[in-house]
N, C-alpha and C. Protein backbone atom coordinates (compact mmCIF):
# COMPACT_ATOMS: atom_id res chain seq x y z
N MET A 1 0.84 -1.17 0.00
CA MET A 1 0.00 0.00 0.00
C MET A 1 0.89 1.23 0.00
N LYS A 2 0.52 2.18 -0.76
CA LYS A 2 1.25 3.45 -0.78
C LYS A 2 0.58 4.40 0.19
N THR A 3 1.42 5.20 0.85
CA THR A 3 0.90 6.21 1.76
C THR A 3 1.86 7.39 1.76
N ALA A 4 1.40 8.53 2.15
CA ALA A 4 2.25 9.71 2.26
C ALA A 4 2.29 10.13 3.72
N ILE A 5 3.48 10.41 4.20
CA ILE A 5 3.65 10.87 5.58
C ILE A 5 4.58 12.08 5.58
N SER A 6 4.53 12.85 6.64
CA SER A 6 5.44 13.99 6.81
C SER A 6 6.33 13.71 8.00
N ILE A 7 7.63 13.86 7.81
CA ILE A 7 8.60 13.70 8.90
C ILE A 7 9.60 14.84 8.80
N PRO A 8 10.24 15.17 9.91
CA PRO A 8 11.23 16.25 9.87
C PRO A 8 12.39 15.90 8.93
N ASP A 9 12.91 16.90 8.26
CA ASP A 9 14.01 16.69 7.32
C ASP A 9 15.21 15.95 7.93
N PRO A 10 15.66 16.31 9.14
CA PRO A 10 16.81 15.59 9.70
C PRO A 10 16.53 14.09 9.90
N LEU A 11 15.31 13.76 10.30
CA LEU A 11 14.96 12.35 10.47
C LEU A 11 14.94 11.64 9.13
N PHE A 12 14.41 12.29 8.12
CA PHE A 12 14.41 11.72 6.78
C PHE A 12 15.84 11.46 6.31
N ASP A 13 16.71 12.44 6.52
CA ASP A 13 18.11 12.28 6.10
C ASP A 13 18.79 11.13 6.83
N ASP A 14 18.52 11.02 8.14
CA ASP A 14 19.09 9.90 8.91
C ASP A 14 18.56 8.56 8.40
N ALA A 15 17.29 8.52 8.08
CA ALA A 15 16.69 7.28 7.57
C ALA A 15 17.26 6.92 6.20
N GLU A 16 17.44 7.91 5.35
CA GLU A 16 18.04 7.66 4.04
C GLU A 16 19.45 7.08 4.19
N ALA A 17 20.23 7.67 5.09
CA ALA A 17 21.60 7.19 5.30
C ALA A 17 21.58 5.77 5.85
N LEU A 18 20.67 5.49 6.77
CA LEU A 18 20.58 4.14 7.34
C LEU A 18 20.16 3.12 6.28
N ALA A 19 19.18 3.45 5.48
CA ALA A 19 18.74 2.54 4.41
C ALA A 19 19.90 2.25 3.47
N HIS A 20 20.67 3.26 3.15
CA HIS A 20 21.83 3.07 2.27
C HIS A 20 22.85 2.13 2.93
N ARG A 21 23.15 2.38 4.22
CA ARG A 21 24.11 1.53 4.93
C ARG A 21 23.65 0.08 5.02
N LEU A 22 22.35 -0.10 5.20
CA LEU A 22 21.80 -1.46 5.36
C LEU A 22 21.49 -2.13 4.03
N HIS A 23 21.63 -1.38 2.93
CA HIS A 23 21.32 -1.89 1.59
C HIS A 23 19.87 -2.36 1.50
N VAL A 24 18.96 -1.52 2.03
CA VAL A 24 17.53 -1.80 1.92
C VAL A 24 16.86 -0.56 1.32
N SER A 25 15.70 -0.77 0.76
CA SER A 25 14.95 0.36 0.21
C SER A 25 14.37 1.19 1.34
N ARG A 26 14.01 2.42 1.03
CA ARG A 26 13.37 3.29 2.00
C ARG A 26 12.08 2.64 2.49
N SER A 27 11.32 2.05 1.59
CA SER A 27 10.06 1.40 1.98
C SER A 27 10.31 0.25 2.95
N GLU A 28 11.34 -0.53 2.68
CA GLU A 28 11.65 -1.65 3.57
C GLU A 28 12.08 -1.16 4.94
N LEU A 29 12.90 -0.10 4.96
CA LEU A 29 13.35 0.46 6.23
C LEU A 29 12.16 0.93 7.06
N TYR A 30 11.26 1.71 6.43
CA TYR A 30 10.11 2.22 7.17
C TYR A 30 9.17 1.10 7.60
N ALA A 31 8.98 0.10 6.75
CA ALA A 31 8.12 -1.02 7.12
C ALA A 31 8.70 -1.78 8.31
N ASN A 32 10.02 -2.00 8.29
CA ASN A 32 10.67 -2.70 9.41
C ASN A 32 10.57 -1.89 10.70
N ALA A 33 10.77 -0.60 10.60
CA ALA A 33 10.69 0.26 11.78
C ALA A 33 9.28 0.27 12.36
N LEU A 34 8.29 0.38 11.49
CA LEU A 34 6.91 0.39 11.94
C LEU A 34 6.52 -0.96 12.54
N ARG A 35 6.98 -2.04 11.92
CA ARG A 35 6.71 -3.39 12.43
C ARG A 35 7.27 -3.54 13.86
N ALA A 36 8.49 -3.07 14.07
CA ALA A 36 9.12 -3.16 15.39
C ALA A 36 8.36 -2.30 16.41
N PHE A 37 7.93 -1.11 15.99
CA PHE A 37 7.19 -0.23 16.89
C PHE A 37 5.86 -0.86 17.30
N VAL A 38 5.15 -1.44 16.34
CA VAL A 38 3.87 -2.08 16.63
C VAL A 38 4.08 -3.27 17.56
N ALA A 39 5.10 -4.08 17.31
CA ALA A 39 5.37 -5.24 18.17
C ALA A 39 5.71 -4.79 19.58
N GLN A 40 6.49 -3.73 19.70
CA GLN A 40 6.84 -3.21 21.02
C GLN A 40 5.58 -2.72 21.75
N HIS A 41 4.72 -2.05 21.03
CA HIS A 41 3.48 -1.56 21.63
C HIS A 41 2.59 -2.72 22.07
N ASP A 42 2.52 -3.78 21.26
CA ASP A 42 1.73 -4.95 21.61
C ASP A 42 2.28 -5.60 22.88
N GLN A 43 3.61 -5.67 23.01
CA GLN A 43 4.21 -6.25 24.21
C GLN A 43 3.87 -5.40 25.44
N ALA A 44 3.88 -4.10 25.29
CA ALA A 44 3.53 -3.22 26.40
C ALA A 44 2.08 -3.42 26.81
N ALA A 45 1.20 -3.61 25.84
CA ALA A 45 -0.21 -3.85 26.14
C ALA A 45 -0.39 -5.18 26.87
N LYS A 46 0.34 -6.19 26.44
CA LYS A 46 0.28 -7.50 27.12
C LYS A 46 0.78 -7.37 28.55
N ARG A 47 1.86 -6.61 28.73
CA ARG A 47 2.43 -6.42 30.06
C ARG A 47 1.41 -5.72 30.98
N ARG A 48 0.73 -4.69 30.45
CA ARG A 48 -0.27 -3.99 31.26
C ARG A 48 -1.40 -4.92 31.64
N ALA A 49 -1.83 -5.77 30.70
CA ALA A 49 -2.91 -6.71 31.00
C ALA A 49 -2.50 -7.69 32.10
N LEU A 50 -1.27 -8.18 32.03
CA LEU A 50 -0.78 -9.09 33.07
C LEU A 50 -0.62 -8.36 34.40
N ASP A 51 -0.12 -7.14 34.36
CA ASP A 51 0.00 -6.35 35.58
C ASP A 51 -1.37 -6.14 36.22
N ASP A 52 -2.37 -5.85 35.40
CA ASP A 52 -3.73 -5.68 35.92
C ASP A 52 -4.25 -6.97 36.54
N LEU A 53 -3.99 -8.09 35.88
CA LEU A 53 -4.43 -9.39 36.40
C LEU A 53 -3.78 -9.70 37.74
N TYR A 54 -2.45 -9.54 37.80
CA TYR A 54 -1.74 -9.90 39.02
C TYR A 54 -1.91 -8.86 40.12
N ALA A 55 -2.55 -7.74 39.82
CA ALA A 55 -2.89 -6.80 40.87
C ALA A 55 -4.02 -7.34 41.74
N VAL A 56 -4.83 -8.25 41.16
CA VAL A 56 -5.95 -8.82 41.91
C VAL A 56 -5.80 -10.31 42.15
N GLU A 57 -4.91 -10.97 41.42
CA GLU A 57 -4.68 -12.41 41.57
C GLU A 57 -3.24 -12.64 42.00
N SER A 58 -3.03 -13.54 42.90
CA SER A 58 -1.68 -13.85 43.35
C SER A 58 -0.94 -14.64 42.28
N SER A 59 0.34 -14.31 42.11
CA SER A 59 1.16 -15.07 41.18
C SER A 59 2.05 -16.06 41.92
N ALA A 60 1.86 -16.15 43.22
CA ALA A 60 2.66 -17.06 44.04
C ALA A 60 2.33 -18.52 43.71
N LEU A 61 3.35 -19.33 43.73
CA LEU A 61 3.16 -20.76 43.52
C LEU A 61 2.73 -21.41 44.82
N PRO A 62 1.96 -22.49 44.75
CA PRO A 62 1.67 -23.25 45.97
C PRO A 62 2.99 -23.73 46.59
N ALA A 63 3.02 -23.94 47.88
CA ALA A 63 4.26 -24.29 48.59
C ALA A 63 4.98 -25.47 47.95
N GLY A 64 4.29 -26.53 47.65
CA GLY A 64 4.93 -27.71 47.06
C GLY A 64 5.54 -27.41 45.70
N ALA A 65 4.84 -26.64 44.90
CA ALA A 65 5.34 -26.30 43.57
C ALA A 65 6.56 -25.40 43.69
N ALA A 66 6.54 -24.48 44.65
CA ALA A 66 7.68 -23.59 44.84
C ALA A 66 8.91 -24.38 45.24
N ARG A 67 8.75 -25.36 46.12
CA ARG A 67 9.89 -26.20 46.54
C ARG A 67 10.42 -27.00 45.36
N SER A 68 9.53 -27.56 44.56
CA SER A 68 9.96 -28.33 43.39
C SER A 68 10.69 -27.45 42.39
N GLN A 69 10.18 -26.27 42.17
CA GLN A 69 10.81 -25.34 41.25
C GLN A 69 12.21 -24.97 41.75
N ALA A 70 12.34 -24.71 43.03
CA ALA A 70 13.65 -24.36 43.61
C ALA A 70 14.63 -25.53 43.46
N ARG A 71 14.15 -26.76 43.67
CA ARG A 71 15.01 -27.94 43.54
C ARG A 71 15.50 -28.10 42.11
N VAL A 72 14.60 -27.98 41.15
CA VAL A 72 14.97 -28.12 39.75
C VAL A 72 15.94 -27.01 39.33
N ALA A 73 15.67 -25.79 39.77
CA ALA A 73 16.54 -24.67 39.42
C ALA A 73 17.93 -24.87 39.99
N SER A 74 18.01 -25.40 41.22
CA SER A 74 19.35 -25.62 41.80
C SER A 74 20.10 -26.73 41.06
N GLU A 75 19.39 -27.72 40.53
CA GLU A 75 20.04 -28.78 39.75
C GLU A 75 20.59 -28.23 38.44
N TRP A 76 19.92 -27.25 37.84
CA TRP A 76 20.40 -26.64 36.60
C TRP A 76 21.65 -25.82 36.83
N GLU A 77 21.77 -25.25 38.02
CA GLU A 77 22.91 -24.40 38.33
C GLU A 77 24.19 -25.20 38.52
N GLU A 78 24.08 -26.48 38.79
CA GLU A 78 25.26 -27.30 39.05
C GLU A 78 26.02 -27.62 37.79
């Protein structure tokens, strides 16, 4: 899809130089940057949802599970 956007000239120049250094087209550079930004935003949204959940639900393991987890973790450290 084609789209038109406005960005500051210095940012455009930096992006052009980066695309040249990476041997990618301007479109590929912008698509990759936008893809990374969207993924980062999605991760932040997931984190907020988990934070909201654990604000009302305990994330603690039952005592037996916690002991088993500690035992297994100590075996991995050896």
